[in-house]
Protein backbone atom coordinates (compact mmCIF):
# COMPACT_ATOMS: atom_id res chain seq x y z
CA MET A 1 18.12 -54.59 -115.76
CA ALA A 2 20.25 -52.73 -112.93
CA SER A 3 22.99 -53.33 -110.48
CA ILE A 4 23.37 -50.55 -107.76
CA ALA A 5 26.67 -49.02 -106.68
CA LEU A 6 27.44 -46.96 -103.47
CA LYS A 7 30.56 -45.27 -103.83
CA HIS A 8 31.96 -43.33 -100.70
CA LEU A 9 28.19 -42.78 -99.45
CA SER A 10 27.71 -40.64 -96.55
CA TYR A 11 24.54 -39.25 -94.91
CA GLN A 12 23.72 -37.33 -92.02
CA TYR A 13 20.54 -35.58 -90.82
CA GLU A 14 20.75 -32.08 -89.85
CA THR A 15 20.01 -32.68 -86.29
CA ALA A 16 21.99 -35.96 -85.94
CA GLN A 17 25.40 -35.64 -83.74
CA THR A 18 26.67 -38.73 -85.82
CA PRO A 19 26.30 -39.75 -89.58
CA ILE A 20 23.97 -42.75 -90.42
CA PHE A 21 26.33 -43.87 -93.19
CA ASP A 22 30.13 -43.13 -93.47
CA ARG A 23 31.95 -43.39 -96.83
CA VAL A 24 30.13 -46.64 -97.56
CA VAL A 25 31.18 -48.82 -100.67
CA THR A 26 29.39 -51.71 -101.93
CA GLU A 27 27.31 -52.94 -104.75
CA PHE A 28 23.92 -54.67 -105.02
CA PRO A 29 24.06 -57.04 -107.74
CA ALA A 30 21.70 -57.27 -110.74
CA HIS A 31 19.09 -59.98 -111.08
CA GLN A 32 19.64 -60.78 -107.15
CA PHE A 33 17.48 -60.53 -103.98
CA THR A 34 19.34 -58.86 -101.06
CA LEU A 35 17.98 -58.90 -97.45
CA LEU A 36 18.89 -55.52 -95.71
CA THR A 37 19.40 -55.89 -91.71
CA GLY A 38 19.87 -53.86 -88.80
CA PRO A 39 18.21 -52.84 -85.52
CA SER A 40 15.56 -50.06 -85.56
CA GLY A 41 16.94 -46.80 -86.29
CA THR A 42 20.17 -47.54 -87.82
CA GLY A 43 19.11 -46.40 -91.46
CA LYS A 44 17.36 -49.02 -93.37
CA SER A 45 14.63 -46.98 -94.53
CA THR A 46 17.04 -43.77 -95.11
CA LEU A 47 19.37 -46.02 -97.34
CA LEU A 48 16.12 -47.26 -99.45
CA GLN A 49 14.84 -43.52 -99.70
CA LEU A 50 18.50 -42.33 -100.93
CA MET A 51 18.64 -45.25 -103.39
CA ALA A 52 15.19 -44.27 -104.68
CA GLY A 53 15.81 -40.73 -105.39
CA LEU A 54 13.50 -39.63 -102.35
CA LEU A 55 16.33 -38.05 -100.27
CA PRO A 56 18.70 -35.61 -101.81
CA LEU A 57 22.20 -36.48 -101.65
CA PRO A 58 24.17 -33.68 -100.74
CA LYS A 59 27.39 -32.58 -102.46
CA ASN A 60 30.30 -34.44 -101.79
CA SER A 61 28.47 -37.14 -100.12
CA GLY A 62 29.42 -39.89 -102.74
CA THR A 63 27.44 -41.34 -105.55
CA ILE A 64 24.69 -44.14 -105.91
CA SER A 65 24.76 -45.42 -109.46
CA TYR A 66 22.42 -47.81 -111.69
CA ASP A 67 24.44 -49.54 -114.15
CA HIS A 68 27.20 -47.08 -113.76
CA VAL A 69 24.80 -44.13 -114.45
CA ALA A 70 24.44 -41.87 -111.33
CA LEU A 71 21.06 -41.49 -110.04
CA SER A 72 21.27 -37.91 -109.93
CA SER A 73 21.61 -37.72 -113.53
CA LEU A 74 18.61 -39.72 -114.36
CA PRO A 75 15.72 -37.55 -115.36
CA VAL A 76 13.04 -37.53 -112.65
CA GLY A 77 10.28 -38.27 -115.14
CA THR A 78 12.16 -41.74 -116.11
CA ARG A 79 13.50 -42.87 -112.68
CA SER A 80 10.41 -44.87 -111.84
CA LYS A 81 11.20 -47.19 -114.69
CA ARG A 82 14.65 -47.67 -113.20
CA VAL A 83 13.66 -48.01 -109.45
CA ALA A 84 10.50 -48.17 -107.37
CA MET A 85 10.11 -48.39 -103.64
CA MET A 86 7.45 -49.77 -101.26
CA PHE A 87 7.26 -47.93 -97.98
CA GLN A 88 7.10 -49.34 -94.49
CA ASN A 89 3.74 -47.56 -94.11
CA PRO A 90 1.55 -47.85 -97.20
CA ASN A 91 -0.69 -44.98 -95.92
CA GLN A 92 2.11 -42.77 -96.63
CA GLN A 93 2.39 -43.76 -100.15
CA PHE A 94 -1.29 -44.02 -101.60
CA ALA A 95 -2.96 -40.70 -103.43
CA MET A 96 -6.02 -42.24 -104.27
CA ASP A 97 -9.54 -43.67 -102.97
CA THR A 98 -9.66 -46.77 -104.38
CA VAL A 99 -7.26 -49.87 -105.31
CA GLU A 100 -7.75 -49.52 -108.79
CA HIS A 101 -7.46 -45.76 -108.96
CA GLU A 102 -4.34 -45.91 -107.09
CA LEU A 103 -2.90 -48.41 -109.69
CA VAL A 104 -4.12 -46.13 -112.48
CA PHE A 105 -2.37 -43.02 -110.73
CA ALA A 106 0.95 -44.53 -110.71
CA LEU A 107 0.73 -45.96 -114.35
CA GLU A 108 -0.52 -42.62 -115.43
CA ASN A 109 2.64 -40.92 -113.93
CA GLN A 110 4.79 -43.32 -115.83
CA GLN A 111 2.82 -42.19 -118.86
CA ILE A 112 1.75 -45.79 -119.89
CA ALA A 113 -0.52 -46.08 -122.80
CA ALA A 114 -3.88 -45.63 -121.70
CA VAL A 115 -4.78 -48.93 -123.63
CA GLU A 116 -2.11 -50.96 -121.57
CA ILE A 117 -3.28 -49.75 -118.13
CA GLU A 118 -6.29 -52.12 -117.65
CA ASP A 119 -4.11 -55.33 -118.19
CA ARG A 120 -1.09 -53.79 -116.60
CA ILE A 121 -3.66 -53.54 -113.23
CA ILE A 122 -5.38 -57.09 -113.59
CA GLN A 123 -2.26 -58.70 -114.31
CA ALA A 124 -0.51 -57.09 -111.15
CA LEU A 125 -3.55 -57.87 -108.93
CA THR A 126 -3.62 -61.33 -110.18
CA PHE A 127 0.26 -61.84 -109.48
CA VAL A 128 -0.10 -60.59 -105.88
CA GLY A 129 -3.42 -62.41 -105.35
CA ILE A 130 -5.90 -59.69 -104.78
CA GLN A 131 -8.03 -59.26 -107.59
CA LYS A 132 -10.99 -59.09 -105.28
CA LEU A 133 -9.73 -55.95 -103.71
CA GLN A 134 -9.81 -54.16 -107.10
CA HIS A 135 -12.74 -51.71 -106.53
CA ARG A 136 -12.45 -51.46 -102.76
CA GLN A 137 -11.90 -48.32 -100.70
CA LEU A 138 -8.36 -48.28 -99.66
CA ASN A 139 -9.45 -46.80 -95.97
CA HIS A 140 -11.54 -49.75 -95.49
CA LEU A 141 -8.66 -52.19 -96.18
CA SER A 142 -6.65 -54.09 -93.36
CA GLY A 143 -3.33 -52.97 -92.74
CA GLY A 144 -1.79 -56.27 -94.45
CA GLU A 145 -4.36 -55.78 -97.47
CA LYS A 146 -2.96 -52.22 -97.95
CA GLN A 147 0.48 -53.62 -97.99
CA LYS A 148 -0.40 -56.02 -100.74
CA VAL A 149 -1.90 -53.17 -102.76
CA ALA A 150 1.42 -51.30 -102.27
CA LEU A 151 3.10 -54.22 -103.63
CA ALA A 152 0.94 -54.51 -106.73
CA VAL A 153 1.68 -50.88 -107.34
CA ILE A 154 5.23 -51.91 -107.54
CA VAL A 155 4.48 -54.73 -109.77
CA ALA A 156 2.27 -52.99 -112.13
CA MET A 157 5.02 -50.25 -112.46
CA ASP A 158 7.63 -52.86 -113.80
CA SER A 159 10.62 -50.89 -112.74
CA ASP A 160 14.29 -52.67 -112.94
CA VAL A 161 14.85 -52.45 -109.10
CA ILE A 162 12.76 -52.88 -106.60
CA LEU A 163 12.93 -51.62 -103.11
CA LEU A 164 10.87 -52.76 -100.30
CA ASP A 165 10.85 -51.34 -96.60
CA GLU A 166 9.25 -54.06 -94.20
CA PRO A 167 6.84 -54.79 -96.66
CA PHE A 168 4.87 -57.89 -94.88
CA ALA A 169 4.82 -56.15 -91.33
CA SER A 170 1.16 -56.42 -91.05
CA VAL A 171 0.66 -59.56 -93.31
CA ASP A 172 -0.43 -62.95 -91.94
CA PRO A 173 2.09 -65.71 -92.17
CA GLN A 174 0.48 -67.75 -94.99
CA ALA A 175 0.04 -64.63 -97.15
CA ARG A 176 3.61 -63.64 -96.21
CA GLN A 177 5.24 -66.91 -97.66
CA SER A 178 3.03 -66.63 -100.71
CA LEU A 179 4.37 -62.90 -101.35
CA ILE A 180 7.86 -63.94 -100.62
CA ASP A 181 7.40 -66.43 -103.17
CA ARG A 182 5.95 -63.74 -105.64
CA LEU A 183 9.30 -61.52 -105.11
CA VAL A 184 11.47 -64.96 -105.99
CA GLU A 185 9.21 -64.97 -108.94
CA LEU A 186 10.06 -61.57 -110.05
CA ARG A 187 13.82 -62.00 -109.73
CA ASP A 188 13.98 -65.40 -111.41
CA GLN A 189 11.35 -64.88 -114.26
CA TYR A 190 11.47 -61.17 -114.73
CA GLY A 191 15.13 -60.35 -113.89
CA LYS A 192 14.21 -57.74 -111.24
CA THR A 193 16.73 -56.62 -108.45
CA ILE A 194 15.29 -56.70 -105.08
CA ILE A 195 16.49 -55.22 -102.15
CA LEU A 196 14.19 -55.76 -98.87
CA ALA A 197 14.59 -54.28 -95.53
CA ASP A 198 13.08 -56.72 -92.67
CA HIS A 199 13.34 -57.23 -88.99
CA ASP A 200 11.45 -60.71 -89.34
CA TYR A 201 13.68 -62.87 -91.24
CA ALA A 202 11.61 -65.93 -91.63
CA GLY A 203 11.41 -67.55 -94.87
CA TYR A 204 14.24 -65.38 -96.26
CA ASP A 205 17.24 -68.04 -95.64
CA ALA A 206 16.35 -70.38 -98.63
CA VAL A 207 15.47 -67.66 -101.11
CA VAL A 208 17.76 -64.57 -100.72
CA ASP A 209 21.23 -64.00 -102.64
CA HIS A 210 22.86 -61.87 -99.86
CA VAL A 211 22.25 -60.88 -96.37
CA VAL A 212 23.54 -57.24 -95.64
CA GLN A 213 23.86 -55.73 -92.33
CA ILE A 214 24.33 -52.02 -91.22
CA THR A 215 26.82 -52.05 -88.53
CA ARG A 216 27.62 -50.06 -85.82
CA ASP A 217 30.36 -48.21 -87.33
CA HIS A 218 27.95 -46.87 -90.10
CA GLN A 219 28.92 -49.17 -93.04
CA LEU A 220 27.27 -52.05 -94.85
CA ARG A 221 28.51 -55.59 -94.23
CA ARG A 222 27.73 -58.68 -96.31
CA LEU A 223 26.99 -61.54 -94.08
CA PRO A 224 28.97 -64.66 -95.12
CA LYS A 225 26.63 -67.65 -95.73
CA THR A 226 28.70 -69.74 -93.20
CA GLN A 227 26.91 -67.38 -90.68
CA TRP A 228 23.58 -67.70 -92.05
CA ALA A 229 22.39 -70.78 -90.13
CA GLN A 230 23.00 -69.00 -86.62
CA PHE A 231 21.46 -65.60 -87.99
CA PHE A 232 18.24 -67.10 -89.01
CA ALA A 233 17.98 -69.84 -86.39
CA ALA A 234 15.78 -67.48 -84.23
CA PHE A 235 12.92 -67.10 -86.98
CA ARG A 236 12.50 -70.83 -87.72
CA PRO A 237 8.72 -71.67 -88.20
CA GLN A 238 7.64 -73.12 -84.70
CA SER A 239 4.08 -73.96 -83.94
CA LEU A 240 1.99 -71.91 -81.32
CA PRO A 241 1.90 -73.11 -77.76
CA SER A 242 -1.50 -74.89 -76.79
CA TRP A 243 -2.95 -72.39 -74.54
CA PRO A 244 -6.25 -73.64 -72.72
CA ALA A 245 -9.25 -71.98 -73.51
CA PRO A 246 -10.76 -70.04 -70.42
CA ALA A 247 -13.79 -71.29 -68.65
CA PRO A 248 -17.02 -69.36 -68.67
CA GLU A 249 -17.29 -66.66 -65.83
CA PRO A 250 -20.47 -65.21 -64.17
CA THR A 251 -19.03 -61.78 -64.90
CA PRO A 252 -16.32 -61.43 -67.48
CA LEU A 253 -14.17 -58.57 -68.69
CA PHE A 254 -16.39 -58.48 -72.15
CA GLN A 255 -19.18 -60.29 -72.65
CA LEU A 256 -20.10 -60.31 -76.49
CA ASP A 257 -23.98 -61.58 -76.87
CA GLN A 258 -24.76 -62.32 -80.76
CA VAL A 259 -22.38 -59.94 -81.89
CA ALA A 260 -22.02 -59.67 -85.78
CA LEU A 261 -19.56 -57.42 -87.61
CA THR A 262 -20.03 -56.12 -91.31
CA GLN A 263 -18.16 -53.74 -93.50
CA GLY A 264 -20.43 -52.57 -96.46
CA ASN A 265 -21.59 -55.88 -98.16
CA HIS A 266 -18.84 -57.77 -96.49
CA GLN A 267 -19.84 -60.14 -93.44
CA LEU A 268 -16.94 -60.21 -91.33
CA LEU A 269 -18.29 -61.75 -88.16
CA VAL A 270 -21.48 -63.72 -88.03
CA PRO A 271 -23.51 -63.49 -84.81
CA THR A 272 -21.15 -64.61 -81.94
CA THR A 273 -21.53 -65.03 -78.13
CA LEU A 274 -18.15 -64.86 -76.43
CA GLN A 275 -16.31 -64.02 -73.17
CA LEU A 276 -12.98 -61.95 -72.80
CA HIS A 277 -11.18 -62.47 -69.33
CA ALA A 278 -9.83 -59.80 -67.14
CA HIS A 279 -6.25 -60.04 -65.95
CA ARG A 280 -5.25 -62.56 -68.77
CA ASN A 281 -3.55 -61.74 -72.05
CA THR A 282 -5.39 -62.84 -75.03
CA LEU A 283 -4.04 -63.05 -78.62
CA ILE A 284 -6.22 -62.81 -81.72
CA THR A 285 -5.14 -64.24 -85.02
CA GLY A 286 -6.54 -64.68 -88.45
CA ALA A 287 -5.86 -63.94 -92.06
CA ASN A 288 -5.67 -60.24 -93.33
CA GLY A 289 -9.01 -58.53 -94.02
CA THR A 290 -11.07 -61.10 -91.59
CA GLY A 291 -12.02 -58.07 -89.50
CA LYS A 292 -9.61 -58.44 -86.47
CA SER A 293 -9.07 -54.60 -86.30
CA THR A 294 -12.85 -54.04 -86.94
CA LEU A 295 -13.48 -56.11 -83.88
CA PHE A 296 -11.11 -53.61 -81.72
CA GLU A 297 -13.04 -50.76 -83.08
CA ALA A 298 -16.36 -52.22 -82.11
CA LEU A 299 -14.94 -52.99 -78.37
CA VAL A 300 -13.92 -49.00 -78.37
CA ARG A 301 -17.11 -47.82 -79.94
CA LEU A 302 -15.33 -46.45 -83.07
CA THR A 303 -17.73 -48.63 -85.40
CA THR A 304 -21.27 -50.03 -85.47
CA TYR A 305 -22.14 -53.63 -84.71
CA GLN A 306 -25.16 -56.02 -84.33
CA GLY A 307 -25.83 -57.38 -81.03
CA ALA A 308 -24.60 -56.12 -77.64
CA ILE A 309 -21.13 -55.85 -76.04
CA ARG A 310 -21.31 -55.53 -72.07
CA TYR A 311 -17.88 -54.35 -70.24
CA GLN A 312 -17.85 -55.55 -66.44
CA GLY A 313 -21.45 -56.38 -66.88
CA LYS A 314 -22.50 -52.88 -68.58
CA ASP A 315 -23.72 -52.59 -72.02
CA ILE A 316 -21.10 -50.36 -73.47
CA GLN A 317 -23.28 -48.29 -75.27
CA LYS A 318 -24.91 -47.14 -72.03
CA SER A 319 -21.47 -46.00 -70.64
CA ARG A 320 -20.29 -42.33 -70.78
CA ARG A 321 -17.94 -42.08 -73.82
CA LYS A 322 -15.05 -40.46 -72.04
CA ARG A 323 -15.04 -42.32 -68.89
CA TYR A 324 -15.27 -45.83 -71.03
CA ALA A 325 -12.48 -44.45 -73.21
CA ARG A 326 -10.32 -44.11 -69.96
CA HIS A 327 -11.07 -47.73 -69.21
CA VAL A 328 -10.30 -49.55 -72.42
CA ALA A 329 -7.72 -48.03 -74.83
CA LEU A 330 -6.73 -48.78 -78.04
CA LEU A 331 -3.20 -48.88 -79.56
CA PHE A 332 -3.53 -48.35 -83.29
CA GLN A 333 -1.61 -50.38 -85.82
CA ASP A 334 -0.36 -46.82 -87.29
CA ALA A 335 1.67 -45.50 -84.50
CA GLU A 336 1.63 -41.97 -86.40
CA ALA A 337 -2.09 -42.05 -85.80
CA GLN A 338 -1.80 -41.84 -82.13
CA PHE A 339 0.46 -38.92 -81.59
CA PHE A 340 -0.79 -35.39 -80.87
CA ASN A 341 2.47 -33.34 -80.27
CA ILE A 342 5.53 -32.52 -81.94
CA THR A 343 8.46 -33.79 -79.40
CA VAL A 344 9.02 -37.16 -77.68
CA ALA A 345 8.90 -34.96 -74.46
CA GLU A 346 5.79 -33.08 -75.13
CA GLU A 347 4.11 -36.76 -75.83
CA LEU A 348 5.34 -38.16 -72.36
CA ALA A 349 4.10 -35.25 -70.69
CA GLN A 350 0.86 -35.54 -71.94
CA SER A 351 0.25 -39.40 -70.95
CA GLN A 352 1.44 -38.64 -67.69
CA LYS A 353 -0.94 -35.78 -67.36
CA TYR A 354 -3.69 -37.93 -68.36
CA ALA A 355 -2.82 -41.39 -66.70
CA TYR A 356 -5.20 -43.48 -65.15
CA GLY A 357 -2.86 -44.50 -62.38
CA ASP A 358 0.48 -43.36 -60.99
CA TYR A 359 2.80 -46.26 -61.44
CA PHE A 360 5.12 -44.65 -63.81
CA THR A 361 6.99 -42.33 -62.05
CA PRO A 362 9.71 -40.07 -63.93
CA ALA A 363 12.26 -42.44 -62.54
CA LYS A 364 10.16 -45.55 -64.12
CA ILE A 365 9.64 -43.64 -67.57
CA ASN A 366 13.58 -42.94 -67.59
CA ASP A 367 14.30 -46.54 -66.90
CA ALA A 368 11.49 -47.56 -69.75
CA LEU A 369 13.21 -45.22 -72.19
CA THR A 370 16.44 -46.89 -71.58
CA GLN A 371 15.20 -50.39 -71.74
CA LEU A 372 13.78 -49.57 -75.06
CA ASN A 373 16.61 -47.43 -76.31
CA LEU A 374 14.69 -44.50 -76.62
CA ALA A 375 16.75 -42.30 -74.04
CA GLY A 376 18.09 -39.01 -74.81
CA ARG A 377 15.42 -38.17 -77.54
CA ASP A 378 13.46 -35.89 -75.47
CA ASP A 379 13.71 -32.93 -77.76
CA GLN A 380 13.49 -35.15 -80.87
CA VAL A 381 10.51 -34.79 -83.28
CA ILE A 382 8.66 -37.44 -82.97
CA TYR A 383 8.10 -37.91 -86.94
CA THR A 384 11.81 -37.91 -87.46
CA LEU A 385 11.87 -41.40 -85.59
CA SER A 386 12.19 -44.62 -87.24
CA GLU A 387 8.90 -46.54 -87.74
CA GLY A 388 10.28 -49.03 -85.24
CA GLN A 389 11.19 -45.98 -82.35
CA LYS A 390 7.87 -44.69 -83.39
CA LYS A 391 6.07 -48.01 -82.34
CA LYS A 392 8.00 -48.45 -79.18
CA LEU A 393 7.42 -44.74 -78.10
CA GLN A 394 3.74 -45.24 -78.95
CA ILE A 395 3.46 -48.48 -76.70
CA LEU A 396 5.18 -46.60 -73.75
CA LEU A 397 2.76 -43.71 -74.01
CA MET A 398 -0.28 -46.37 -73.58
CA LEU A 399 1.24 -47.94 -71.13
CA ILE A 400 1.93 -44.77 -69.07
CA MET A 401 -1.78 -43.90 -69.19
CA GLN A 402 -2.32 -47.20 -67.59
CA SER A 403 -5.88 -47.66 -68.84
CA PRO A 404 -7.31 -50.92 -67.15
CA VAL A 405 -7.78 -52.85 -70.62
CA LEU A 406 -5.42 -52.17 -73.40
CA LEU A 407 -6.30 -53.37 -76.91
CA MET A 408 -2.99 -53.66 -79.03
CA ASP A 409 -3.44 -53.79 -82.81
CA GLU A 410 0.03 -55.46 -84.43
CA PRO A 411 2.13 -53.82 -81.39
CA LEU A 412 5.34 -55.60 -82.79
CA LYS A 413 5.19 -54.26 -86.28
CA GLY A 414 8.43 -52.69 -87.45
CA LEU A 415 10.50 -53.80 -84.06
CA ASP A 416 13.53 -56.01 -84.47
CA LEU A 417 14.03 -59.11 -82.19
CA LYS A 418 15.90 -57.18 -79.44
CA SER A 419 13.41 -54.53 -79.40
CA ILE A 420 10.65 -57.13 -79.23
CA ASN A 421 12.52 -59.03 -76.09
CA ALA A 422 12.81 -55.63 -74.43
CA LEU A 423 9.26 -54.54 -75.09
CA VAL A 424 7.93 -58.10 -73.81
CA THR A 425 10.01 -57.54 -70.53
CA LEU A 426 8.72 -54.15 -69.99
CA LEU A 427 5.07 -55.47 -70.53
CA LYS A 428 5.43 -58.43 -68.30
CA THR A 429 6.78 -56.12 -65.28
CA THR A 430 4.31 -53.54 -65.92
CA LEU A 431 1.29 -56.07 -65.86
CA ALA A 432 2.36 -57.53 -62.63
CA ALA A 433 2.48 -54.38 -60.83
CA THR A 434 -0.77 -52.55 -62.63
CA GLN A 435 -2.92 -55.83 -63.28
CA GLN A 436 -3.89 -54.35 -66.83
CA THR A 437 -5.49 -56.72 -69.23
CA LEU A 438 -4.15 -56.85 -72.71
CA ILE A 439 -5.90 -58.15 -75.78
CA ILE A 440 -3.44 -58.52 -78.88
CA ILE A 441 -3.86 -58.65 -82.57
CA SER A 442 -0.37 -59.82 -83.74
CA HIS A 443 0.71 -61.52 -87.06
CA GLN A 444 4.52 -61.25 -85.90
CA LEU A 445 4.60 -64.09 -82.97
CA THR A 446 8.41 -64.49 -82.24
CA GLY A 447 8.89 -63.27 -78.91
CA LEU A 448 5.51 -62.49 -77.87
CA THR A 449 4.13 -65.76 -76.89
CA PRO A 450 5.49 -65.83 -73.46
CA LEU A 451 3.13 -62.99 -72.48
CA ILE A 452 -0.13 -65.03 -73.65
CA ASP A 453 -2.70 -66.81 -71.47
CA TYR A 454 -5.39 -67.38 -74.32
CA HIS A 455 -5.62 -67.61 -78.13
CA LEU A 456 -8.69 -66.43 -80.17
CA ARG A 457 -8.86 -66.99 -84.16
CA LEU A 458 -11.12 -65.01 -86.64
CA ALA A 459 -11.52 -67.52 -89.33
CA ASN A 460 -14.45 -68.13 -91.72
CA HIS A 461 -16.22 -65.50 -90.13
CA GLN A 462 -16.02 -67.34 -86.93
CA LEU A 463 -14.22 -65.94 -83.42
CA GLN A 464 -13.59 -68.88 -81.51
CA TYR A 465 -10.69 -69.99 -78.84
CA ILE A 466 -8.23 -72.31 -79.54
CA GLY A 467 -7.21 -75.04 -77.06
CA GLY A 468 -9.01 -77.23 -74.81
CA PRO A 469 -11.23 -76.75 -71.72
CA THR A 470 -9.84 -75.90 -68.59
CA ASN A 471 -11.08 -75.15 -65.00
CA GLU A 472 -8.78 -72.01 -64.61
CA SER A 473 -10.76 -68.98 -63.20
């Protein structure tokens, strides 16, 4: 079981003008749980990758040691026994087709005896609470289910140190709390050292041993416990507002008539008749794997469904695909899946070229980039941005396109609270001018609720509005 020491650690990307870390000296104690914090793009993922040995540390850049043994001197083949990392985007981590095969692959790379592998897999899946996913295809899972699988892989590997990068960004609140409890058990019952980077601090104040912040001067600062109450205050559990349910309309934005969704042998949505309304922002919530993203895919004709879906009174299957795609756009949960070009400037130019409206002038785009803390990155390669920066850029690109309807799947994933507030302000300003309609799937609700008019919940294969009737049109 290991403590981690950073001694005079410095790191700077080749294209950056300033270092991410500048002669950092700190220690992460063994058998303790540390929450690593800092705004998007300050280096949390970079630090975790350095400590996992996934980024090479240049000469004369300090040392990273595990129980006084330099990470660089640990043989690569045995390093995973000492430290394992769960990525922010599990799609970048998976190598196999099914959940079971992914676990087998990880354990075989550790040279675990074949007779032990099956027991380890069952124990890890049971520990995380996802036994039912064992034989599922990874590309059929929701984002939250993939994050749970990635955690099960880490548990099965049984490494001394567990590094987690935004491990619950796509996980529903109930499952999130359950998984935090599992991490506490790994620390208390199995002696694991846990370092977890997150932007959503809900649920950590009662369980972590330390809070470490990345500072503006490229250092790591341990937050005194006397400041914890104020630090965690914005993330206290809060009940959702009681939004009214909409009244029926003769011609709604979307009309679902006996729409049912399945995935393989899994029933996601029983036949449902429902309206979605124009110029109102609708929030959709529900546990991981219930079919929220599949519903979005149905609305944009990316998956099959039973029943009929009408958009502005017309069956979407009878609309020309290209024309319909310009009216109803989907913001993917994984930001990288939405990019086509190399640099930020190239992506911005493409969105302007194909924009449905002309609200976003070059001046407004520059203002939005500044508002989202993305200014001055025109020539930066998109894939070198942090996950939070990618998400903000992705949303801006889709807003520039100005589709009348924008379906947003987990738009706050990987964003710090300051970025969320800036994004919600930008959305409010844009919607007031363009009259676009947003339909949003989100597990992260802190800062989002001022934007919402209606609330749909998908549970027990039922999609229903939450709230009382209203005469509002």
